[in-house]
Amino acid sequence: MGKSEKRALMSQIARRLMHLLTWDFQPERRSRSWRLTIADAQTKVLRLLDDNPSLKATLPELMAAAYIDACRGAAIEAELDLEIFPQVCPYLYEDAITFQP
C-alpha cells in the first residue's frame, strides 16, 4: 500500500463527505452539479479501493481524518459556522459511499 494511494483515498472520502454535509445542511442549494460531484467522488473512492484492497482496513481511520477536512471545506464552501457540524462523523462508511442524491 503506497502513501500516495492512501492520501488519494482520504482526499476523495473528504470530498464526498464535504458534499454530503453541504447537501444535508443546505438543502436549498442542492444542484445537479453537487449530485455530479458526489457521484464522482463515490466512483473514485470505489476505484481506489478496488485497486488497493489493503486500504479497506484503514477506512475507520481515514473516515475520521477525512471528516475533519470535510467539515472545514463544507463550512467554507457553504459559508456556515464550523460549529454547526457534528463533532463526530454522522455517516458510516457504507452509508456515505452508497448514498445517492
PDB file of N, CA and C in Angstrom:
ATOM      1  N   MET A   1       0.861  -1.178   0.000  1.00  0.00           N
ATOM      2  CA  MET A   1       0.000   0.000   0.000  1.00  0.00           C
ATOM      3  C   MET A   1       0.895   1.225   0.000  1.00  0.00           C
ATOM      4  N   GLY A   2       0.706   2.101  -0.982  1.00  0.00           N
ATOM      5  CA  GLY A   2       1.503   3.296  -1.077  1.00  0.00           C
ATOM      6  C   GLY A   2       0.864   4.466  -0.360  1.00  0.00           C
ATOM      7  N   LYS A   3       1.738   5.360   0.091  1.00  0.00           N
ATOM      8  CA  LYS A   3       1.244   6.553   0.772  1.00  0.00           C
ATOM      9  C   LYS A   3       0.411   7.418  -0.156  1.00  0.00           C
ATOM     10  N   SER A   4       0.787   7.478  -1.418  1.00  0.00           N
ATOM     11  CA  SER A   4       0.036   8.329  -2.345  1.00  0.00           C
ATOM     12  C   SER A   4      -1.382   7.796  -2.560  1.00  0.00           C
ATOM     13  N   GLU A   5      -1.539   6.476  -2.603  1.00  0.00           N
ATOM     14  CA  GLU A   5      -2.872   5.901  -2.753  1.00  0.00           C
ATOM     15  C   GLU A   5      -3.719   6.173  -1.513  1.00  0.00           C
ATOM     16  N   LYS A   6      -3.103   6.085  -0.351  1.00  0.00           N
ATOM     17  CA  LYS A   6      -3.818   6.358   0.899  1.00  0.00           C
ATOM     18  C   LYS A   6      -4.248   7.828   0.953  1.00  0.00           C
ATOM     19  N   ARG A   7      -3.361   8.727   0.556  1.00  0.00           N
ATOM     20  CA  ARG A   7      -3.705  10.159   0.517  1.00  0.00           C
ATOM     21  C   ARG A   7      -4.819  10.425  -0.495  1.00  0.00           C
ATOM     22  N   ALA A   8      -4.740   9.772  -1.646  1.00  0.00           N
ATOM     23  CA  ALA A   8      -5.775   9.952  -2.675  1.00  0.00           C
ATOM     24  C   ALA A   8      -7.131   9.462  -2.170  1.00  0.00           C
ATOM     25  N   LEU A   9      -7.137   8.336  -1.483  1.00  0.00           N
ATOM     26  CA  LEU A   9      -8.378   7.801  -0.943  1.00  0.00           C
ATOM     27  C   LEU A   9      -8.950   8.752   0.111  1.00  0.00           C
ATOM     28  N   MET A  10      -8.100   9.232   1.000  1.00  0.00           N
ATOM     29  CA  MET A  10      -8.574  10.157   2.027  1.00  0.00           C
ATOM     30  C   MET A  10      -9.128  11.434   1.396  1.00  0.00           C
ATOM     31  N   SER A  11      -8.466  11.921   0.376  1.00  0.00           N
ATOM     32  CA  SER A  11      -8.921  13.122  -0.311  1.00  0.00           C
ATOM     33  C   SER A  11     -10.306  12.929  -0.927  1.00  0.00           C
ATOM     34  N   GLN A  12     -10.526  11.791  -1.559  1.00  0.00           N
ATOM     35  CA  GLN A  12     -11.827  11.527  -2.179  1.00  0.00           C
ATOM     36  C   GLN A  12     -12.919  11.286  -1.141  1.00  0.00           C
ATOM     37  N   ILE A  13     -12.575  10.638  -0.034  1.00  0.00           N
ATOM     38  CA  ILE A  13     -13.544  10.462   1.042  1.00  0.00           C
ATOM     39  C   ILE A  13     -13.909  11.824   1.627  1.00  0.00           C
ATOM     40  N   ALA A  14     -12.913  12.682   1.839  1.00  0.00           N
ATOM     41  CA  ALA A  14     -13.174  14.027   2.369  1.00  0.00           C
ATOM     42  C   ALA A  14     -14.060  14.811   1.403  1.00  0.00           C
ATOM     43  N   ARG A  15     -13.786  14.696   0.116  1.00  0.00           N
ATOM     44  CA  ARG A  15     -14.595  15.387  -0.902  1.00  0.00           C
ATOM     45  C   ARG A  15     -16.038  14.897  -0.858  1.00  0.00           C
ATOM     46  N   ARG A  16     -16.189  13.604  -0.762  1.00  0.00           N
ATOM     47  CA  ARG A  16     -17.537  13.013  -0.685  1.00  0.00           C
ATOM     48  C   ARG A  16     -18.254  13.499   0.575  1.00  0.00           C
ATOM     49  N   LEU A  17     -17.585  13.433   1.724  1.00  0.00           N
ATOM     50  CA  LEU A  17     -18.192  13.864   2.989  1.00  0.00           C
ATOM     51  C   LEU A  17     -18.523  15.356   2.975  1.00  0.00           C
ATOM     52  N   MET A  18     -17.642  16.165   2.404  1.00  0.00           N
ATOM     53  CA  MET A  18     -17.882  17.600   2.340  1.00  0.00           C
ATOM     54  C   MET A  18     -19.181  17.896   1.592  1.00  0.00           C
ATOM     55  N   HIS A  19     -19.377  17.236   0.491  1.00  0.00           N
ATOM     56  CA  HIS A  19     -20.581  17.491  -0.285  1.00  0.00           C
ATOM     57  C   HIS A  19     -21.818  16.869   0.361  1.00  0.00           C
ATOM     58  N   LEU A  20     -21.653  15.774   1.080  1.00  0.00           N
ATOM     59  CA  LEU A  20     -22.787  15.230   1.824  1.00  0.00           C
ATOM     60  C   LEU A  20     -23.192  16.188   2.940  1.00  0.00           C
ATOM     61  N   LEU A  21     -22.220  16.779   3.595  1.00  0.00           N
ATOM     62  CA  LEU A  21     -22.534  17.757   4.646  1.00  0.00           C
ATOM     63  C   LEU A  21     -23.274  18.959   4.069  1.00  0.00           C
ATOM     64  N   THR A  22     -22.772  19.503   2.984  1.00  0.00           N
ATOM     65  CA  THR A  22     -23.449  20.658   2.395  1.00  0.00           C
ATOM     66  C   THR A  22     -24.832  20.249   1.873  1.00  0.00           C
ATOM     67  N   TRP A  23     -24.965  19.032   1.375  1.00  0.00           N
ATOM     68  CA  TRP A  23     -26.249  18.520   0.912  1.00  0.00           C
ATOM     69  C   TRP A  23     -27.241  18.478   2.082  1.00  0.00           C
ATOM     70  N   ASP A  24     -26.782  17.988   3.228  1.00  0.00           N
ATOM     71  CA  ASP A  24     -27.656  17.856   4.390  1.00  0.00           C
ATOM     72  C   ASP A  24     -27.942  19.194   5.073  1.00  0.00           C
ATOM     73  N   PHE A  25     -26.951  20.073   5.128  1.00  0.00           N
ATOM     74  CA  PHE A  25     -27.087  21.301   5.903  1.00  0.00           C
ATOM     75  C   PHE A  25     -27.549  22.506   5.080  1.00  0.00           C
ATOM     76  N   GLN A  26     -27.580  22.370   3.781  1.00  0.00           N
ATOM     77  CA  GLN A  26     -28.086  23.447   2.932  1.00  0.00           C
ATOM     78  C   GLN A  26     -28.940  22.875   1.801  1.00  0.00           C
ATOM     79  N   PRO A  27     -30.062  22.280   2.157  1.00  0.00           N
ATOM     80  CA  PRO A  27     -30.888  21.639   1.117  1.00  0.00           C
ATOM     81  C   PRO A  27     -31.383  22.605   0.045  1.00  0.00           C
ATOM     82  N   GLU A  28     -31.499  23.867   0.386  1.00  0.00           N
ATOM     83  CA  GLU A  28     -31.981  24.845  -0.597  1.00  0.00           C
ATOM     84  C   GLU A  28     -30.967  25.110  -1.704  1.00  0.00           C
ATOM     85  N   ARG A  29     -29.722  24.697  -1.508  1.00  0.00           N
ATOM     86  CA  ARG A  29     -28.691  24.938  -2.522  1.00  0.00           C
ATOM     87  C   ARG A  29     -28.324  23.680  -3.309  1.00  0.00           C
ATOM     88  N   ARG A  30     -29.099  22.631  -3.134  1.00  0.00           N
ATOM     89  CA  ARG A  30     -28.807  21.387  -3.861  1.00  0.00           C
ATOM     90  C   ARG A  30     -28.921  21.629  -5.363  1.00  0.00           C
ATOM     91  N   SER A  31     -27.979  21.047  -6.075  1.00  0.00           N
ATOM     92  CA  SER A  31     -27.970  21.253  -7.530  1.00  0.00           C
ATOM     93  C   SER A  31     -27.490  19.990  -8.237  1.00  0.00           C
ATOM     94  N   ARG A  32     -27.670  19.993  -9.527  1.00  0.00           N
ATOM     95  CA  ARG A  32     -27.186  18.886 -10.351  1.00  0.00           C
ATOM     96  C   ARG A  32     -25.660  18.790 -10.260  1.00  0.00           C
ATOM     97  N   SER A  33     -25.007  19.923 -10.156  1.00  0.00           N
ATOM     98  CA  SER A  33     -23.558  19.949 -10.033  1.00  0.00           C
ATOM     99  C   SER A  33     -23.102  19.237  -8.760  1.00  0.00           C
ATOM    100  N   TRP A  34     -23.798  19.472  -7.660  1.00  0.00           N
ATOM    101  CA  TRP A  34     -23.447  18.780  -6.411  1.00  0.00           C
ATOM    102  C   TRP A  34     -23.663  17.281  -6.552  1.00  0.00           C
ATOM    103  N   ARG A  35     -24.770  16.879  -7.210  1.00  0.00           N
ATOM    104  CA  ARG A  35     -25.022  15.451  -7.405  1.00  0.00           C
ATOM    105  C   ARG A  35     -23.895  14.818  -8.220  1.00  0.00           C
ATOM    106  N   LEU A  36     -23.456  15.534  -9.234  1.00  0.00           N
ATOM    107  CA  LEU A  36     -22.369  15.038 -10.067  1.00  0.00           C
ATOM    108  C   LEU A  36     -21.085  14.881  -9.248  1.00  0.00           C
ATOM    109  N   THR A  37     -20.773  15.864  -8.430  1.00  0.00           N
ATOM    110  CA  THR A  37     -19.567  15.809  -7.613  1.00  0.00           C
ATOM    111  C   THR A  37     -19.635  14.669  -6.603  1.00  0.00           C
ATOM    112  N   ILE A  38     -20.791  14.488  -5.986  1.00  0.00           N
ATOM    113  CA  ILE A  38     -20.981  13.400  -5.022  1.00  0.00           C
ATOM    114  C   ILE A  38     -20.798  12.049  -5.721  1.00  0.00           C
ATOM    115  N   ALA A  39     -21.388  11.898  -6.893  1.00  0.00           N
ATOM    116  CA  ALA A  39     -21.273  10.649  -7.647  1.00  0.00           C
ATOM    117  C   ALA A  39     -19.838  10.405  -8.106  1.00  0.00           C
ATOM    118  N   ASP A  40     -19.162  11.456  -8.549  1.00  0.00           N
ATOM    119  CA  ASP A  40     -17.774  11.332  -8.999  1.00  0.00           C
ATOM    120  C   ASP A  40     -16.862  10.889  -7.856  1.00  0.00           C
ATOM    121  N   ALA A  41     -17.045  11.462  -6.683  1.00  0.00           N
ATOM    122  CA  ALA A  41     -16.220  11.070  -5.538  1.00  0.00           C
ATOM    123  C   ALA A  41     -16.484   9.615  -5.161  1.00  0.00           C
ATOM    124  N   GLN A  42     -17.732   9.186  -5.264  1.00  0.00           N
ATOM    125  CA  GLN A  42     -18.062   7.787  -4.977  1.00  0.00           C
ATOM    126  C   GLN A  42     -17.301   6.862  -5.928  1.00  0.00           C
ATOM    127  N   THR A  43     -17.350   7.185  -7.206  1.00  0.00           N
ATOM    128  CA  THR A  43     -16.665   6.372  -8.209  1.00  0.00           C
ATOM    129  C   THR A  43     -15.173   6.287  -7.912  1.00  0.00           C
ATOM    130  N   LYS A  44     -14.572   7.425  -7.580  1.00  0.00           N
ATOM    131  CA  LYS A  44     -13.130   7.444  -7.322  1.00  0.00           C
ATOM    132  C   LYS A  44     -12.757   6.679  -6.060  1.00  0.00           C
ATOM    133  N   VAL A  45     -13.576   6.784  -5.013  1.00  0.00           N
ATOM    134  CA  VAL A  45     -13.317   6.020  -3.789  1.00  0.00           C
ATOM    135  C   VAL A  45     -13.370   4.527  -4.096  1.00  0.00           C
ATOM    136  N   LEU A  46     -14.412   4.098  -4.781  1.00  0.00           N
ATOM    137  CA  LEU A  46     -14.567   2.673  -5.083  1.00  0.00           C
ATOM    138  C   LEU A  46     -13.443   2.152  -5.982  1.00  0.00           C
ATOM    139  N   ARG A  47     -13.016   2.953  -6.938  1.00  0.00           N
ATOM    140  CA  ARG A  47     -11.898   2.530  -7.804  1.00  0.00           C
ATOM    141  C   ARG A  47     -10.604   2.400  -7.016  1.00  0.00           C
ATOM    142  N   LEU A  48     -10.350   3.377  -6.143  1.00  0.00           N
ATOM    143  CA  LEU A  48      -9.138   3.318  -5.331  1.00  0.00           C
ATOM    144  C   LEU A  48      -9.140   2.074  -4.441  1.00  0.00           C
ATOM    145  N   LEU A  49     -10.293   1.734  -3.879  1.00  0.00           N
ATOM    146  CA  LEU A  49     -10.375   0.541  -3.037  1.00  0.00           C
ATOM    147  C   LEU A  49     -10.264  -0.739  -3.859  1.00  0.00           C
ATOM    148  N   ASP A  50     -10.800  -0.744  -5.072  1.00  0.00           N
ATOM    149  CA  ASP A  50     -10.646  -1.913  -5.941  1.00  0.00           C
ATOM    150  C   ASP A  50      -9.181  -2.127  -6.307  1.00  0.00           C
ATOM    151  N   ASP A  51      -8.478  -1.033  -6.578  1.00  0.00           N
ATOM    152  CA  ASP A  51      -7.070  -1.113  -6.951  1.00  0.00           C
ATOM    153  C   ASP A  51      -6.159  -1.398  -5.757  1.00  0.00           C
ATOM    154  N   ASN A  52      -6.618  -1.033  -4.549  1.00  0.00           N
ATOM    155  CA  ASN A  52      -5.801  -1.168  -3.337  1.00  0.00           C
ATOM    156  C   ASN A  52      -6.648  -1.756  -2.212  1.00  0.00           C
ATOM    157  N   PRO A  53      -7.012  -3.032  -2.305  1.00  0.00           N
ATOM    158  CA  PRO A  53      -7.907  -3.619  -1.312  1.00  0.00           C
ATOM    159  C   PRO A  53      -7.369  -3.570   0.121  1.00  0.00           C
ATOM    160  N   SER A  54      -6.060  -3.484   0.276  1.00  0.00           N
ATOM    161  CA  SER A  54      -5.491  -3.418   1.626  1.00  0.00           C
ATOM    162  C   SER A  54      -5.872  -2.128   2.341  1.00  0.00           C
ATOM    163  N   LEU A  55      -6.310  -1.102   1.590  1.00  0.00           N
ATOM    164  CA  LEU A  55      -6.717   0.161   2.211  1.00  0.00           C
ATOM    165  C   LEU A  55      -8.046   0.045   2.950  1.00  0.00           C
ATOM    166  N   LYS A  56      -8.807  -1.014   2.681  1.00  0.00           N
ATOM    167  CA  LYS A  56     -10.091  -1.184   3.365  1.00  0.00           C
ATOM    168  C   LYS A  56      -9.900  -1.264   4.877  1.00  0.00           C
ATOM    169  N   ALA A  57      -8.789  -1.812   5.310  1.00  0.00           N
ATOM    170  CA  ALA A  57      -8.513  -1.926   6.748  1.00  0.00           C
ATOM    171  C   ALA A  57      -8.311  -0.564   7.402  1.00  0.00           C
ATOM    172  N   THR A  58      -7.980   0.439   6.608  1.00  0.00           N
ATOM    173  CA  THR A  58      -7.717   1.771   7.164  1.00  0.00           C
ATOM    174  C   THR A  58      -8.939   2.698   7.110  1.00  0.00           C
ATOM    175  N   LEU A  59     -10.071   2.193   6.629  1.00  0.00           N
ATOM    176  CA  LEU A  59     -11.244   3.052   6.435  1.00  0.00           C
ATOM    177  C   LEU A  59     -11.713   3.786   7.695  1.00  0.00           C
ATOM    178  N   PRO A  60     -11.792   3.136   8.866  1.00  0.00           N
ATOM    179  CA  PRO A  60     -12.225   3.904  10.048  1.00  0.00           C
ATOM    180  C   PRO A  60     -11.304   5.093  10.346  1.00  0.00           C
ATOM    181  N   GLU A  61     -10.015   4.873  10.249  1.00  0.00           N
ATOM    182  CA  GLU A  61      -9.028   5.939  10.478  1.00  0.00           C
ATOM    183  C   GLU A  61      -9.145   7.036   9.405  1.00  0.00           C
ATOM    184  N   LEU A  62      -9.277   6.630   8.160  1.00  0.00           N
ATOM    185  CA  LEU A  62      -9.387   7.592   7.068  1.00  0.00           C
ATOM    186  C   LEU A  62     -10.678   8.399   7.151  1.00  0.00           C
ATOM    187  N   MET A  63     -11.775   7.737   7.507  1.00  0.00           N
ATOM    188  CA  MET A  63     -13.061   8.450   7.637  1.00  0.00           C
ATOM    189  C   MET A  63     -12.959   9.527   8.707  1.00  0.00           C
ATOM    190  N   ALA A  64     -12.352   9.205   9.847  1.00  0.00           N
ATOM    191  CA  ALA A  64     -12.232  10.178  10.935  1.00  0.00           C
ATOM    192  C   ALA A  64     -11.382  11.370  10.503  1.00  0.00           C
ATOM    193  N   ALA A  65     -10.260  11.102   9.868  1.00  0.00           N
ATOM    194  CA  ALA A  65      -9.380  12.189   9.418  1.00  0.00           C
ATOM    195  C   ALA A  65     -10.028  12.983   8.290  1.00  0.00           C
ATOM    196  N   ALA A  66     -10.665  12.295   7.364  1.00  0.00           N
ATOM    197  CA  ALA A  66     -11.306  12.965   6.231  1.00  0.00           C
ATOM    198  C   ALA A  66     -12.468  13.830   6.695  1.00  0.00           C
ATOM    199  N   TYR A  67     -13.144  13.411   7.746  1.00  0.00           N
ATOM    200  CA  TYR A  67     -14.291  14.177   8.234  1.00  0.00           C
ATOM    201  C   TYR A  67     -13.857  15.554   8.733  1.00  0.00           C
ATOM    202  N   ILE A  68     -12.719  15.625   9.376  1.00  0.00           N
ATOM    203  CA  ILE A  68     -12.202  16.923   9.841  1.00  0.00           C
ATOM    204  C   ILE A  68     -12.001  17.850   8.647  1.00  0.00           C
ATOM    205  N   ASP A  69     -11.364  17.342   7.605  1.00  0.00           N
ATOM    206  CA  ASP A  69     -11.156  18.135   6.384  1.00  0.00           C
ATOM    207  C   ASP A  69     -12.482  18.488   5.719  1.00  0.00           C
ATOM    208  N   ALA A  70     -13.417  17.537   5.720  1.00  0.00           N
ATOM    209  CA  ALA A  70     -14.717  17.760   5.092  1.00  0.00           C
ATOM    210  C   ALA A  70     -15.494  18.871   5.795  1.00  0.00           C
ATOM    211  N   CYS A  71     -15.459  18.883   7.118  1.00  0.00           N
ATOM    212  CA  CYS A  71     -16.162  19.937   7.877  1.00  0.00           C
ATOM    213  C   CYS A  71     -15.582  21.308   7.542  1.00  0.00           C
ATOM    214  N   ARG A  72     -14.280  21.384   7.526  1.00  0.00           N
ATOM    215  CA  ARG A  72     -13.624  22.659   7.200  1.00  0.00           C
ATOM    216  C   ARG A  72     -14.013  23.116   5.798  1.00  0.00           C
ATOM    217  N   GLY A  73     -13.965  22.214   4.846  1.00  0.00           N
ATOM    218  CA  GLY A  73     -14.314  22.554   3.471  1.00  0.00           C
ATOM    219  C   GLY A  73     -15.778  22.916   3.318  1.00  0.00           C
ATOM    220  N   ALA A  74     -16.659  22.181   3.975  1.00  0.00           N
ATOM    221  CA  ALA A  74     -18.092  22.469   3.884  1.00  0.00           C
ATOM    222  C   ALA A  74     -18.416  23.818   4.512  1.00  0.00           C
ATOM    223  N   ALA A  75     -17.772  24.133   5.622  1.00  0.00           N
ATOM    224  CA  ALA A  75     -18.013  25.425   6.275  1.00  0.00           C
ATOM    225  C   ALA A  75     -17.616  26.572   5.346  1.00  0.00           C
ATOM    226  N   ILE A  76     -16.491  26.427   4.679  1.00  0.00           N
ATOM    227  CA  ILE A  76     -16.024  27.476   3.764  1.00  0.00           C
ATOM    228  C   ILE A  76     -16.924  27.544   2.530  1.00  0.00           C
ATOM    229  N   GLU A  77     -17.177  26.386   1.922  1.00  0.00           N
ATOM    230  CA  GLU A  77     -17.970  26.365   0.685  1.00  0.00           C
ATOM    231  C   GLU A  77     -19.389  26.882   0.909  1.00  0.00           C
ATOM    232  N   ALA A  78     -19.997  26.483   2.020  1.00  0.00           N
ATOM    233  CA  ALA A  78     -21.390  26.846   2.273  1.00  0.00           C
ATOM    234  C   ALA A  78     -21.533  28.115   3.114  1.00  0.00           C
ATOM    235  N   GLU A  79     -20.404  28.696   3.479  1.00  0.00           N
ATOM    236  CA  GLU A  79     -20.396  29.897   4.321  1.00  0.00           C
ATOM    237  C   GLU A  79     -21.204  29.675   5.598  1.00  0.00           C
ATOM    238  N   LEU A  80     -20.878  28.567   6.279  1.00  0.00           N
ATOM    239  CA  LEU A  80     -21.525  28.200   7.531  1.00  0.00           C
ATOM    240  C   LEU A  80     -20.481  28.171   8.637  1.00  0.00           C
ATOM    241  N   ASP A  81     -20.943  28.290   9.874  1.00  0.00           N
ATOM    242  CA  ASP A  81     -20.031  28.160  11.008  1.00  0.00           C
ATOM    243  C   ASP A  81     -19.626  26.704  11.164  1.00  0.00           C
ATOM    244  N   LEU A  82     -18.364  26.483  11.376  1.00  0.00           N
ATOM    245  CA  LEU A  82     -17.829  25.134  11.545  1.00  0.00           C
ATOM    246  C   LEU A  82     -18.534  24.391  12.683  1.00  0.00           C
ATOM    247  N   GLU A  83     -18.964  25.129  13.694  1.00  0.00           N
ATOM    248  CA  GLU A  83     -19.561  24.528  14.881  1.00  0.00           C
ATOM    249  C   GLU A  83     -20.926  23.885  14.625  1.00  0.00           C
ATOM    250  N   ILE A  84     -21.557  24.172  13.479  1.00  0.00           N
ATOM    251  CA  ILE A  84     -22.878  23.567  13.241  1.00  0.00           C
ATOM    252  C   ILE A  84     -22.780  22.089  12.885  1.00  0.00           C
ATOM    253  N   PHE A  85     -21.613  21.652  12.453  1.00  0.00           N
ATOM    254  CA  PHE A  85     -21.450  20.260  12.064  1.00  0.00           C
ATOM    255  C   PHE A  85     -21.159  19.399  13.297  1.00  0.00           C
ATOM    256  N   PRO A  86     -21.665  18.162  13.302  1.00  0.00           N
ATOM    257  CA  PRO A  86     -21.377  17.267  14.429  1.00  0.00           C
ATOM    258  C   PRO A  86     -19.869  17.081  14.606  1.00  0.00           C
ATOM    259  N   GLN A  87     -19.439  16.923  15.847  1.00  0.00           N
ATOM    260  CA  GLN A  87     -18.009  16.741  16.113  1.00  0.00           C
ATOM    261  C   GLN A  87     -17.501  15.395  15.618  1.00  0.00           C
ATOM    262  N   VAL A  88     -18.393  14.421  15.587  1.00  0.00           N
ATOM    263  CA  VAL A  88     -18.041  13.079  15.119  1.00  0.00           C
ATOM    264  C   VAL A  88     -18.799  12.837  13.816  1.00  0.00           C
ATOM    265  N   CYS A  89     -18.162  12.210  12.884  1.00  0.00           N
ATOM    266  CA  CYS A  89     -18.766  11.953  11.581  1.00  0.00           C
ATOM    267  C   CYS A  89     -20.120  11.251  11.738  1.00  0.00           C
ATOM    268  N   PRO A  90     -21.182  11.849  11.206  1.00  0.00           N
ATOM    269  CA  PRO A  90     -22.510  11.247  11.343  1.00  0.00           C
ATOM    270  C   PRO A  90     -22.793  10.133  10.332  1.00  0.00           C
ATOM    271  N   TYR A  91     -21.840   9.890   9.454  1.00  0.00           N
ATOM    272  CA  TYR A  91     -22.040   8.903   8.395  1.00  0.00           C
ATOM    273  C   TYR A  91     -21.169   7.678   8.640  1.00  0.00           C
ATOM    274  N   LEU A  92     -21.765   6.515   8.518  1.00  0.00           N
ATOM    275  CA  LEU A  92     -20.981   5.291   8.467  1.00  0.00           C
ATOM    276  C   LEU A  92     -20.409   5.195   7.059  1.00  0.00           C
ATOM    277  N   TYR A  93     -19.280   4.517   6.918  1.00  0.00           N
ATOM    278  CA  TYR A  93     -18.647   4.423   5.603  1.00  0.00           C
ATOM    279  C   TYR A  93     -19.643   3.924   4.556  1.00  0.00           C
ATOM    280  N   GLU A  94     -20.325   2.830   4.855  1.00  0.00           N
ATOM    281  CA  GLU A  94     -21.254   2.245   3.860  1.00  0.00           C
ATOM    282  C   GLU A  94     -22.332   3.239   3.450  1.00  0.00           C
ATOM    283  N   ASP A  95     -22.877   3.960   4.430  1.00  0.00           N
ATOM    284  CA  ASP A  95     -23.916   4.942   4.127  1.00  0.00           C
ATOM    285  C   ASP A  95     -23.345   6.093   3.279  1.00  0.00           C
ATOM    286  N   ALA A  96     -22.171   6.545   3.644  1.00  0.00           N
ATOM    287  CA  ALA A  96     -21.554   7.669   2.927  1.00  0.00           C
ATOM    288  C   ALA A  96     -21.247   7.295   1.473  1.00  0.00           C
ATOM    289  N   ILE A  97     -20.856   6.068   1.260  1.00  0.00           N
ATOM    290  CA  ILE A  97     -20.472   5.654  -0.086  1.00  0.00           C
ATOM    291  C   ILE A  97     -21.674   5.265  -0.939  1.00  0.00           C
ATOM    292  N   THR A  98     -22.702   4.697  -0.323  1.00  0.00           N
ATOM    293  CA  THR A  98     -23.831   4.233  -1.126  1.00  0.00           C
ATOM    294  C   THR A  98     -24.922   5.278  -1.309  1.00  0.00           C
ATOM    295  N   PHE A  99     -24.874   6.382  -0.554  1.00  0.00           N
ATOM    296  CA  PHE A  99     -25.903   7.418  -0.667  1.00  0.00           C
ATOM    297  C   PHE A  99     -25.954   7.963  -2.087  1.00  0.00           C
ATOM    298  N   GLN A 100     -27.153   8.018  -2.640  1.00  0.00           N
ATOM    299  CA  GLN A 100     -27.354   8.566  -3.974  1.00  0.00           C
ATOM    300  C   GLN A 100     -28.337   9.731  -3.880  1.00  0.00           C
ATOM    301  N   PRO A 101     -27.870  10.955  -4.095  1.00  0.00           N
ATOM    302  CA  PRO A 101     -28.779  12.104  -4.013  1.00  0.00           C
ATOM    303  C   PRO A 101     -29.752  12.140  -5.186  1.00  0.00           C
TER     304      PRO A 101
END
